[in-house]
Amino acid sequence: MEQSPIPKVDGSRDRAFWLAHGGVGLVWSNPNASDSVMIMHALLQPDFHLLLDIAARFGFSRLKNEWAVLRDGVERTALPEGQQELRHATPIVERCLKHMEQAIQ
């Protein structure tokens, strides 16, 4: 039987990947947060190397899609702290995504 290159995921979270990247540090309040939640929190605290690892592990399109969902969701809310986090993260994330997209092409 051929083994998948992606380790078995507990529920909807790739525990091995996140453990290698600081464990629950991104979402300390929910140790069972899904990959989507973990990715969105990583996007709000952007670090190029972590975002690059996320793109390599989960796919560049998923990273871009999670960013679009996050951005749209925060923009529709009236929560000032979310808006502030998004304003801070946007130029960094956009630059990271642009560099990754250029490298793919």
PDB file of N, CA and C in Angstrom:
ATOM      1  N   MET A   1       0.837  -1.175   0.000  1.00  0.00           N
ATOM      2  CA  MET A   1       0.000   0.000   0.000  1.00  0.00           C
ATOM      3  C   MET A   1       0.882   1.238   0.000  1.00  0.00           C
ATOM      4  N   GLU A   2       0.620   2.149  -0.908  1.00  0.00           N
ATOM      5  CA  GLU A   2       1.399   3.372  -1.016  1.00  0.00           C
ATOM      6  C   GLU A   2       1.004   4.346   0.079  1.00  0.00           C
ATOM      7  N   GLN A   3       2.016   4.957   0.723  1.00  0.00           N
ATOM      8  CA  GLN A   3       1.739   5.898   1.795  1.00  0.00           C
ATOM      9  C   GLN A   3       1.658   7.313   1.231  1.00  0.00           C
ATOM     10  N   SER A   4       0.691   8.069   1.715  1.00  0.00           N
ATOM     11  CA  SER A   4       0.498   9.449   1.278  1.00  0.00           C
ATOM     12  C   SER A   4       1.671  10.304   1.738  1.00  0.00           C
ATOM     13  N   PRO A   5       2.132  11.260   0.914  1.00  0.00           N
ATOM     14  CA  PRO A   5       3.219  12.148   1.331  1.00  0.00           C
ATOM     15  C   PRO A   5       2.765  13.121   2.420  1.00  0.00           C
ATOM     16  N   ILE A   6       1.447  13.262   2.594  1.00  0.00           N
ATOM     17  CA  ILE A   6       0.923  14.151   3.613  1.00  0.00           C
ATOM     18  C   ILE A   6       0.523  13.299   4.811  1.00  0.00           C
ATOM     19  N   PRO A   7       1.086  13.615   6.008  1.00  0.00           N
ATOM     20  CA  PRO A   7       0.740  12.810   7.170  1.00  0.00           C
ATOM     21  C   PRO A   7      -0.733  12.913   7.504  1.00  0.00           C
ATOM     22  N   LYS A   8      -1.235  11.887   8.159  1.00  0.00           N
ATOM     23  CA  LYS A   8      -2.648  11.863   8.546  1.00  0.00           C
ATOM     24  C   LYS A   8      -2.959  13.078   9.403  1.00  0.00           C
ATOM     25  N   VAL A   9      -4.069  13.676   9.100  1.00  0.00           N
ATOM     26  CA  VAL A   9      -4.495  14.880   9.799  1.00  0.00           C
ATOM     27  C   VAL A   9      -5.521  14.488  10.856  1.00  0.00           C
ATOM     28  N   ASP A  10      -5.314  14.996  12.056  1.00  0.00           N
ATOM     29  CA  ASP A  10      -6.253  14.776  13.153  1.00  0.00           C
ATOM     30  C   ASP A  10      -7.420  15.733  12.948  1.00  0.00           C
ATOM     31  N   GLY A  11      -8.607  15.227  12.626  1.00  0.00           N
ATOM     32  CA  GLY A  11      -9.732  16.117  12.344  1.00  0.00           C
ATOM     33  C   GLY A  11      -9.433  16.934  11.113  1.00  0.00           C
ATOM     34  N   SER A  12      -9.449  18.243  11.266  1.00  0.00           N
ATOM     35  CA  SER A  12      -9.160  19.105  10.131  1.00  0.00           C
ATOM     36  C   SER A  12      -7.901  19.922  10.393  1.00  0.00           C
ATOM     37  N   ARG A  13      -6.978  19.334  11.140  1.00  0.00           N
ATOM     38  CA  ARG A  13      -5.740  20.040  11.472  1.00  0.00           C
ATOM     39  C   ARG A  13      -4.532  19.140  11.288  1.00  0.00           C
ATOM     40  N   ASP A  14      -3.556  19.638  10.579  1.00  0.00           N
ATOM     41  CA  ASP A  14      -2.306  18.931  10.359  1.00  0.00           C
ATOM     42  C   ASP A  14      -1.403  19.209  11.566  1.00  0.00           C
ATOM     43  N   ARG A  15      -1.574  18.408  12.592  1.00  0.00           N
ATOM     44  CA  ARG A  15      -0.886  18.641  13.872  1.00  0.00           C
ATOM     45  C   ARG A  15       0.641  18.646  13.739  1.00  0.00           C
ATOM     46  N   ALA A  16       1.177  17.755  12.929  1.00  0.00           N
ATOM     47  CA  ALA A  16       2.635  17.690  12.774  1.00  0.00           C
ATOM     48  C   ALA A  16       3.180  18.987  12.180  1.00  0.00           C
ATOM     49  N   PHE A  17       2.505  19.508  11.172  1.00  0.00           N
ATOM     50  CA  PHE A  17       2.956  20.755  10.543  1.00  0.00           C
ATOM     51  C   PHE A  17       2.952  21.897  11.551  1.00  0.00           C
ATOM     52  N   TRP A  18       1.836  22.054  12.263  1.00  0.00           N
ATOM     53  CA  TRP A  18       1.722  23.186  13.183  1.00  0.00           C
ATOM     54  C   TRP A  18       2.645  23.027  14.383  1.00  0.00           C
ATOM     55  N   LEU A  19       2.878  21.813  14.824  1.00  0.00           N
ATOM     56  CA  LEU A  19       3.802  21.581  15.921  1.00  0.00           C
ATOM     57  C   LEU A  19       5.211  22.017  15.516  1.00  0.00           C
ATOM     58  N   ALA A  20       5.575  21.732  14.272  1.00  0.00           N
ATOM     59  CA  ALA A  20       6.888  22.131  13.766  1.00  0.00           C
ATOM     60  C   ALA A  20       7.018  23.648  13.621  1.00  0.00           C
ATOM     61  N   HIS A  21       5.883  24.345  13.648  1.00  0.00           N
ATOM     62  CA  HIS A  21       5.879  25.802  13.484  1.00  0.00           C
ATOM     63  C   HIS A  21       5.339  26.513  14.722  1.00  0.00           C
ATOM     64  N   GLY A  22       5.673  26.000  15.865  1.00  0.00           N
ATOM     65  CA  GLY A  22       5.309  26.682  17.097  1.00  0.00           C
ATOM     66  C   GLY A  22       4.068  26.153  17.784  1.00  0.00           C
ATOM     67  N   GLY A  23       3.555  25.046  17.325  1.00  0.00           N
ATOM     68  CA  GLY A  23       2.407  24.442  18.004  1.00  0.00           C
ATOM     69  C   GLY A  23       1.179  25.318  18.016  1.00  0.00           C
ATOM     70  N   VAL A  24       0.620  25.502  19.181  1.00  0.00           N
ATOM     71  CA  VAL A  24      -0.621  26.270  19.298  1.00  0.00           C
ATOM     72  C   VAL A  24      -0.347  27.749  19.527  1.00  0.00           C
ATOM     73  N   GLY A  25       0.878  28.174  19.408  1.00  0.00           N
ATOM     74  CA  GLY A  25       1.213  29.575  19.636  1.00  0.00           C
ATOM     75  C   GLY A  25       0.417  30.544  18.788  1.00  0.00           C
ATOM     76  N   LEU A  26       0.057  30.146  17.587  1.00  0.00           N
ATOM     77  CA  LEU A  26      -0.717  31.031  16.724  1.00  0.00           C
ATOM     78  C   LEU A  26      -2.138  31.208  17.218  1.00  0.00           C
ATOM     79  N   VAL A  27      -2.702  30.148  17.738  1.00  0.00           N
ATOM     80  CA  VAL A  27      -4.086  30.183  18.215  1.00  0.00           C
ATOM     81  C   VAL A  27      -4.096  29.547  19.609  1.00  0.00           C
ATOM     82  N   TRP A  28      -3.509  30.215  20.563  1.00  0.00           N
ATOM     83  CA  TRP A  28      -3.338  29.647  21.896  1.00  0.00           C
ATOM     84  C   TRP A  28      -4.664  29.344  22.579  1.00  0.00           C
ATOM     85  N   SER A  29      -5.723  30.082  22.242  1.00  0.00           N
ATOM     86  CA  SER A  29      -6.993  29.898  22.934  1.00  0.00           C
ATOM     87  C   SER A  29      -7.773  28.678  22.446  1.00  0.00           C
ATOM     88  N   ASN A  30      -7.341  28.094  21.324  1.00  0.00           N
ATOM     89  CA  ASN A  30      -8.051  26.927  20.791  1.00  0.00           C
ATOM     90  C   ASN A  30      -7.046  25.919  20.250  1.00  0.00           C
ATOM     91  N   PRO A  31      -6.604  24.989  21.082  1.00  0.00           N
ATOM     92  CA  PRO A  31      -5.612  24.017  20.635  1.00  0.00           C
ATOM     93  C   PRO A  31      -6.126  23.066  19.554  1.00  0.00           C
ATOM     94  N   ASN A  32      -7.415  23.077  19.277  1.00  0.00           N
ATOM     95  CA  ASN A  32      -7.989  22.219  18.236  1.00  0.00           C
ATOM     96  C   ASN A  32      -8.443  23.013  17.013  1.00  0.00           C
ATOM     97  N   ALA A  33      -7.946  24.218  16.875  1.00  0.00           N
ATOM     98  CA  ALA A  33      -8.330  25.047  15.735  1.00  0.00           C
ATOM     99  C   ALA A  33      -7.977  24.348  14.423  1.00  0.00           C
ATOM    100  N   SER A  34      -8.806  24.531  13.422  1.00  0.00           N
ATOM    101  CA  SER A  34      -8.592  23.893  12.121  1.00  0.00           C
ATOM    102  C   SER A  34      -7.405  24.521  11.399  1.00  0.00           C
ATOM    103  N   ASP A  35      -6.976  23.859  10.343  1.00  0.00           N
ATOM    104  CA  ASP A  35      -5.901  24.415   9.513  1.00  0.00           C
ATOM    105  C   ASP A  35      -6.285  25.795   8.993  1.00  0.00           C
ATOM    106  N   SER A  36      -7.541  25.966   8.597  1.00  0.00           N
ATOM    107  CA  SER A  36      -7.982  27.270   8.079  1.00  0.00           C
ATOM    108  C   SER A  36      -7.809  28.365   9.121  1.00  0.00           C
ATOM    109  N   VAL A  37      -8.193  28.082  10.338  1.00  0.00           N
ATOM    110  CA  VAL A  37      -8.048  29.067  11.412  1.00  0.00           C
ATOM    111  C   VAL A  37      -6.572  29.354  11.662  1.00  0.00           C
ATOM    112  N   MET A  38      -5.761  28.317  11.678  1.00  0.00           N
ATOM    113  CA  MET A  38      -4.324  28.497  11.888  1.00  0.00           C
ATOM    114  C   MET A  38      -3.709  29.343  10.772  1.00  0.00           C
ATOM    115  N   ILE A  39      -4.105  29.062   9.534  1.00  0.00           N
ATOM    116  CA  ILE A  39      -3.582  29.818   8.397  1.00  0.00           C
ATOM    117  C   ILE A  39      -3.996  31.281   8.502  1.00  0.00           C
ATOM    118  N   MET A  40      -5.257  31.525   8.848  1.00  0.00           N
ATOM    119  CA  MET A  40      -5.726  32.907   8.954  1.00  0.00           C
ATOM    120  C   MET A  40      -4.997  33.667  10.051  1.00  0.00           C
ATOM    121  N   HIS A  41      -4.733  33.007  11.164  1.00  0.00           N
ATOM    122  CA  HIS A  41      -3.978  33.669  12.224  1.00  0.00           C
ATOM    123  C   HIS A  41      -2.543  33.934  11.786  1.00  0.00           C
ATOM    124  N   ALA A  42      -1.968  33.017  11.043  1.00  0.00           N
ATOM    125  CA  ALA A  42      -0.615  33.249  10.517  1.00  0.00           C
ATOM    126  C   ALA A  42      -0.611  34.439   9.565  1.00  0.00           C
ATOM    127  N   LEU A  43      -1.675  34.598   8.809  1.00  0.00           N
ATOM    128  CA  LEU A  43      -1.777  35.734   7.887  1.00  0.00           C
ATOM    129  C   LEU A  43      -1.893  37.058   8.640  1.00  0.00           C
ATOM    130  N   LEU A  44      -2.505  37.045   9.799  1.00  0.00           N
ATOM    131  CA  LEU A  44      -2.630  38.281  10.580  1.00  0.00           C
ATOM    132  C   LEU A  44      -1.344  38.627  11.325  1.00  0.00           C
ATOM    133  N   GLN A  45      -0.431  37.661  11.421  1.00  0.00           N
ATOM    134  CA  GLN A  45       0.874  37.891  12.035  1.00  0.00           C
ATOM    135  C   GLN A  45       1.930  37.453  11.025  1.00  0.00           C
ATOM    136  N   PRO A  46       1.956  38.122   9.875  1.00  0.00           N
ATOM    137  CA  PRO A  46       2.728  37.591   8.746  1.00  0.00           C
ATOM    138  C   PRO A  46       4.223  37.497   8.978  1.00  0.00           C
ATOM    139  N   ASP A  47       4.724  36.339   8.612  1.00  0.00           N
ATOM    140  CA  ASP A  47       6.157  36.054   8.586  1.00  0.00           C
ATOM    141  C   ASP A  47       6.382  35.319   7.262  1.00  0.00           C
ATOM    142  N   PHE A  48       7.224  35.859   6.411  1.00  0.00           N
ATOM    143  CA  PHE A  48       7.385  35.320   5.063  1.00  0.00           C
ATOM    144  C   PHE A  48       7.691  33.824   5.077  1.00  0.00           C
ATOM    145  N   HIS A  49       8.591  33.408   5.943  1.00  0.00           N
ATOM    146  CA  HIS A  49       9.003  31.998   5.940  1.00  0.00           C
ATOM    147  C   HIS A  49       7.864  31.076   6.359  1.00  0.00           C
ATOM    148  N   LEU A  50       7.080  31.493   7.345  1.00  0.00           N
ATOM    149  CA  LEU A  50       5.936  30.680   7.739  1.00  0.00           C
ATOM    150  C   LEU A  50       4.904  30.637   6.616  1.00  0.00           C
ATOM    151  N   LEU A  51       4.631  31.784   5.997  1.00  0.00           N
ATOM    152  CA  LEU A  51       3.662  31.808   4.897  1.00  0.00           C
ATOM    153  C   LEU A  51       4.157  30.963   3.720  1.00  0.00           C
ATOM    154  N   LEU A  52       5.444  30.985   3.475  1.00  0.00           N
ATOM    155  CA  LEU A  52       6.018  30.169   2.407  1.00  0.00           C
ATOM    156  C   LEU A  52       5.855  28.678   2.728  1.00  0.00           C
ATOM    157  N   ASP A  53       6.102  28.303   3.975  1.00  0.00           N
ATOM    158  CA  ASP A  53       5.909  26.908   4.384  1.00  0.00           C
ATOM    159  C   ASP A  53       4.440  26.493   4.278  1.00  0.00           C
ATOM    160  N   ILE A  54       3.546  27.403   4.634  1.00  0.00           N
ATOM    161  CA  ILE A  54       2.111  27.121   4.513  1.00  0.00           C
ATOM    162  C   ILE A  54       1.750  26.905   3.051  1.00  0.00           C
ATOM    163  N   ALA A  55       2.270  27.762   2.172  1.00  0.00           N
ATOM    164  CA  ALA A  55       1.995  27.618   0.728  1.00  0.00           C
ATOM    165  C   ALA A  55       2.541  26.286   0.214  1.00  0.00           C
ATOM    166  N   ALA A  56       3.711  25.904   0.667  1.00  0.00           N
ATOM    167  CA  ALA A  56       4.306  24.642   0.225  1.00  0.00           C
ATOM    168  C   ALA A  56       3.499  23.448   0.750  1.00  0.00           C
ATOM    169  N   ARG A  57       2.999  23.546   1.942  1.00  0.00           N
ATOM    170  CA  ARG A  57       2.281  22.434   2.571  1.00  0.00           C
ATOM    171  C   ARG A  57       0.831  22.314   2.103  1.00  0.00           C
ATOM    172  N   PHE A  58       0.127  23.441   2.073  1.00  0.00           N
ATOM    173  CA  PHE A  58      -1.307  23.422   1.791  1.00  0.00           C
ATOM    174  C   PHE A  58      -1.656  23.927   0.393  1.00  0.00           C
ATOM    175  N   GLY A  59      -0.677  24.500  -0.297  1.00  0.00           N
ATOM    176  CA  GLY A  59      -0.909  25.019  -1.643  1.00  0.00           C
ATOM    177  C   GLY A  59      -1.020  26.533  -1.649  1.00  0.00           C
ATOM    178  N   PHE A  60      -0.438  27.127  -2.669  1.00  0.00           N
ATOM    179  CA  PHE A  60      -0.457  28.583  -2.797  1.00  0.00           C
ATOM    180  C   PHE A  60      -1.886  29.093  -2.968  1.00  0.00           C
ATOM    181  N   SER A  61      -2.702  28.355  -3.743  1.00  0.00           N
ATOM    182  CA  SER A  61      -4.079  28.827  -3.941  1.00  0.00           C
ATOM    183  C   SER A  61      -4.859  28.825  -2.639  1.00  0.00           C
ATOM    184  N   ARG A  62      -4.611  27.832  -1.792  1.00  0.00           N
ATOM    185  CA  ARG A  62      -5.328  27.829  -0.511  1.00  0.00           C
ATOM    186  C   ARG A  62      -4.904  29.013   0.339  1.00  0.00           C
ATOM    187  N   LEU A  63      -3.620  29.319   0.345  1.00  0.00           N
ATOM    188  CA  LEU A  63      -3.134  30.468   1.106  1.00  0.00           C
ATOM    189  C   LEU A  63      -3.799  31.747   0.605  1.00  0.00           C
ATOM    190  N   LYS A  64      -3.854  31.910  -0.718  1.00  0.00           N
ATOM    191  CA  LYS A  64      -4.505  33.094  -1.301  1.00  0.00           C
ATOM    192  C   LYS A  64      -5.996  33.123  -0.977  1.00  0.00           C
ATOM    193  N   ASN A  65      -6.646  31.972  -1.046  1.00  0.00           N
ATOM    194  CA  ASN A  65      -8.084  31.918  -0.755  1.00  0.00           C
ATOM    195  C   ASN A  65      -8.364  32.241   0.710  1.00  0.00           C
ATOM    196  N   GLU A  66      -7.557  31.697   1.606  1.00  0.00           N
ATOM    197  CA  GLU A  66      -7.744  31.989   3.031  1.00  0.00           C
ATOM    198  C   GLU A  66      -7.545  33.481   3.292  1.00  0.00           C
ATOM    199  N   TRP A  67      -6.594  34.097   2.587  1.00  0.00           N
ATOM    200  CA  TRP A  67      -6.362  35.535   2.729  1.00  0.00           C
ATOM    201  C   TRP A  67      -7.590  36.314   2.250  1.00  0.00           C
ATOM    202  N   ALA A  68      -8.158  35.920   1.125  1.00  0.00           N
ATOM    203  CA  ALA A  68      -9.343  36.607   0.595  1.00  0.00           C
ATOM    204  C   ALA A  68     -10.523  36.473   1.553  1.00  0.00           C
ATOM    205  N   VAL A  69     -10.728  35.273   2.088  1.00  0.00           N
ATOM    206  CA  VAL A  69     -11.826  35.042   3.034  1.00  0.00           C
ATOM    207  C   VAL A  69     -11.619  35.885   4.290  1.00  0.00           C
ATOM    208  N   LEU A  70     -10.409  35.868   4.803  1.00  0.00           N
ATOM    209  CA  LEU A  70     -10.085  36.636   6.011  1.00  0.00           C
ATOM    210  C   LEU A  70     -10.289  38.127   5.769  1.00  0.00           C
ATOM    211  N   ARG A  71      -9.713  38.622   4.692  1.00  0.00           N
ATOM    212  CA  ARG A  71      -9.802  40.050   4.377  1.00  0.00           C
ATOM    213  C   ARG A  71     -11.253  40.491   4.220  1.00  0.00           C
ATOM    214  N   ASP A  72     -12.026  39.719   3.471  1.00  0.00           N
ATOM    215  CA  ASP A  72     -13.432  40.070   3.252  1.00  0.00           C
ATOM    216  C   ASP A  72     -14.224  40.016   4.554  1.00  0.00           C
ATOM    217  N   GLY A  73     -13.959  39.000   5.361  1.00  0.00           N
ATOM    218  CA  GLY A  73     -14.672  38.868   6.628  1.00  0.00           C
ATOM    219  C   GLY A  73     -14.370  40.003   7.586  1.00  0.00           C
ATOM    220  N   VAL A  74     -13.109  40.372   7.700  1.00  0.00           N
ATOM    221  CA  VAL A  74     -12.724  41.454   8.616  1.00  0.00           C
ATOM    222  C   VAL A  74     -13.241  42.783   8.099  1.00  0.00           C
ATOM    223  N   GLU A  75     -13.193  43.002   6.797  1.00  0.00           N
ATOM    224  CA  GLU A  75     -13.671  44.264   6.233  1.00  0.00           C
ATOM    225  C   GLU A  75     -15.167  44.453   6.478  1.00  0.00           C
ATOM    226  N   ARG A  76     -15.928  43.348   6.551  1.00  0.00           N
ATOM    227  CA  ARG A  76     -17.377  43.453   6.766  1.00  0.00           C
ATOM    228  C   ARG A  76     -17.751  43.648   8.228  1.00  0.00           C
ATOM    229  N   THR A  77     -16.815  43.391   9.128  1.00  0.00           N
ATOM    230  CA  THR A  77     -17.130  43.565  10.549  1.00  0.00           C
ATOM    231  C   THR A  77     -16.814  44.991  10.975  1.00  0.00           C
ATOM    232  N   ALA A  78     -17.390  45.370  12.086  1.00  0.00           N
ATOM    233  CA  ALA A  78     -17.134  46.708  12.605  1.00  0.00           C
ATOM    234  C   ALA A  78     -16.171  46.665  13.786  1.00  0.00           C
ATOM    235  N   LEU A  79     -15.507  45.527  13.994  1.00  0.00           N
ATOM    236  CA  LEU A  79     -14.601  45.405  15.128  1.00  0.00           C
ATOM    237  C   LEU A  79     -13.287  46.144  14.852  1.00  0.00           C
ATOM    238  N   PRO A  80     -13.038  47.211  15.590  1.00  0.00           N
ATOM    239  CA  PRO A  80     -11.843  48.028  15.323  1.00  0.00           C
ATOM    240  C   PRO A  80     -10.534  47.267  15.455  1.00  0.00           C
ATOM    241  N   GLU A  81     -10.444  46.327  16.420  1.00  0.00           N
ATOM    242  CA  GLU A  81      -9.177  45.609  16.590  1.00  0.00           C
ATOM    243  C   GLU A  81      -8.891  44.707  15.391  1.00  0.00           C
ATOM    244  N   GLY A  82      -9.920  44.097  14.823  1.00  0.00           N
ATOM    245  CA  GLY A  82      -9.741  43.289  13.621  1.00  0.00           C
ATOM    246  C   GLY A  82      -9.338  44.132  12.436  1.00  0.00           C
ATOM    247  N   GLN A  83      -9.968  45.280  12.314  1.00  0.00           N
ATOM    248  CA  GLN A  83      -9.635  46.209  11.221  1.00  0.00           C
ATOM    249  C   GLN A  83      -8.176  46.667  11.339  1.00  0.00           C
ATOM    250  N   GLN A  84      -7.760  46.939  12.560  1.00  0.00           N
ATOM    251  CA  GLN A  84      -6.380  47.390  12.788  1.00  0.00           C
ATOM    252  C   GLN A  84      -5.375  46.286  12.446  1.00  0.00           C
ATOM    253  N   GLU A  85      -5.660  45.066  12.878  1.00  0.00           N
ATOM    254  CA  GLU A  85      -4.784  43.935  12.550  1.00  0.00           C
ATOM    255  C   GLU A  85      -4.681  43.761  11.038  1.00  0.00           C
ATOM    256  N   LEU A  86      -5.813  43.867  10.366  1.00  0.00           N
ATOM    257  CA  LEU A  86      -5.833  43.712   8.915  1.00  0.00           C
ATOM    258  C   LEU A  86      -5.034  44.818   8.232  1.00  0.00           C
ATOM    259  N   ARG A  87      -5.198  46.051   8.692  1.00  0.00           N
ATOM    260  CA  ARG A  87      -4.434  47.175   8.105  1.00  0.00           C
ATOM    261  C   ARG A  87      -2.937  46.957   8.267  1.00  0.00           C
ATOM    262  N   HIS A  88      -2.541  46.447   9.408  1.00  0.00           N
ATOM    263  CA  HIS A  88      -1.115  46.185   9.659  1.00  0.00           C
ATOM    264  C   HIS A  88      -0.601  45.046   8.774  1.00  0.00           C
ATOM    265  N   ALA A  89      -1.382  43.987   8.651  1.00  0.00           N
ATOM    266  CA  ALA A  89      -0.930  42.789   7.932  1.00  0.00           C
ATOM    267  C   ALA A  89      -1.003  42.923   6.417  1.00  0.00           C
ATOM    268  N   THR A  90      -1.948  43.703   5.904  1.00  0.00           N
ATOM    269  CA  THR A  90      -2.209  43.745   4.464  1.00  0.00           C
ATOM    270  C   THR A  90      -0.976  44.020   3.607  1.00  0.00           C
ATOM    271  N   PRO A  91      -0.220  45.086   3.842  1.00  0.00           N
ATOM    272  CA  PRO A  91       0.919  45.322   2.935  1.00  0.00           C
ATOM    273  C   PRO A  91       1.960  44.204   2.982  1.00  0.00           C
ATOM    274  N   ILE A  92       2.154  43.626   4.155  1.00  0.00           N
ATOM    275  CA  ILE A  92       3.143  42.557   4.302  1.00  0.00           C
ATOM    276  C   ILE A  92       2.668  41.300   3.575  1.00  0.00           C
ATOM    277  N   VAL A  93       1.416  40.903   3.826  1.00  0.00           N
ATOM    278  CA  VAL A  93       0.872  39.694   3.196  1.00  0.00           C
ATOM    279  C   VAL A  93       0.816  39.868   1.681  1.00  0.00           C
ATOM    280  N   GLU A  94       0.346  41.013   1.221  1.00  0.00           N
ATOM    281  CA  GLU A  94       0.256  41.251  -0.227  1.00  0.00           C
ATOM    282  C   GLU A  94       1.630  41.153  -0.883  1.00  0.00           C
ATOM    283  N   ARG A  95       2.640  41.702  -0.214  1.00  0.00           N
ATOM    284  CA  ARG A  95       4.010  41.634  -0.746  1.00  0.00           C
ATOM    285  C   ARG A  95       4.502  40.179  -0.770  1.00  0.00           C
ATOM    286  N   CYS A  96       4.250  39.440   0.303  1.00  0.00           N
ATOM    287  CA  CYS A  96       4.656  38.027   0.364  1.00  0.00           C
ATOM    288  C   CYS A  96       3.979  37.221  -0.741  1.00  0.00           C
ATOM    289  N   LEU A  97       2.677  37.399  -0.892  1.00  0.00           N
ATOM    290  CA  LEU A  97       1.929  36.659  -1.922  1.00  0.00           C
ATOM    291  C   LEU A  97       2.425  37.017  -3.319  1.00  0.00           C
ATOM    292  N   LYS A  98       2.727  38.285  -3.520  1.00  0.00           N
ATOM    293  CA  LYS A  98       3.237  38.739  -4.825  1.00  0.00           C
ATOM    294  C   LYS A  98       4.575  38.069  -5.134  1.00  0.00           C
ATOM    295  N   HIS A  99       5.465  38.012  -4.153  1.00  0.00           N
ATOM    296  CA  HIS A  99       6.773  37.385  -4.373  1.00  0.00           C
ATOM    297  C   HIS A  99       6.629  35.880  -4.640  1.00  0.00           C
ATOM    298  N   MET A 100       5.735  35.240  -3.902  1.00  0.00           N
ATOM    299  CA  MET A 100       5.519  33.808  -4.109  1.00  0.00           C
ATOM    300  C   MET A 100       4.930  33.559  -5.501  1.00  0.00           C
ATOM    301  N   GLU A 101       3.986  34.384  -5.895  1.00  0.00           N
ATOM    302  CA  GLU A 101       3.352  34.216  -7.212  1.00  0.00           C
ATOM    303  C   GLU A 101       4.381  34.423  -8.328  1.00  0.00           C
ATOM    304  N   GLN A 102       5.262  35.410  -8.160  1.00  0.00           N
ATOM    305  CA  GLN A 102       6.308  35.642  -9.156  1.00  0.00           C
ATOM    306  C   GLN A 102       7.263  34.459  -9.234  1.00  0.00           C
ATOM    307  N   ALA A 103       7.562  33.863  -8.098  1.00  0.00           N
ATOM    308  CA  ALA A 103       8.475  32.716  -8.088  1.00  0.00           C
ATOM    309  C   ALA A 103       7.860  31.505  -8.768  1.00  0.00           C
ATOM    310  N   ILE A 104       6.549  31.377  -8.669  1.00  0.00           N
ATOM    311  CA  ILE A 104       5.850  30.238  -9.294  1.00  0.00           C
ATOM    312  C   ILE A 104       5.856  30.363 -10.814  1.00  0.00           C
ATOM    313  N   GLN A 105       5.753  31.577 -11.304  1.00  0.00           N
ATOM    314  CA  GLN A 105       5.650  31.794 -12.750  1.00  0.00           C
ATOM    315  C   GLN A 105       6.935  31.634 -13.460  1.00  0.00           C
TER     316      GLN A 105
END
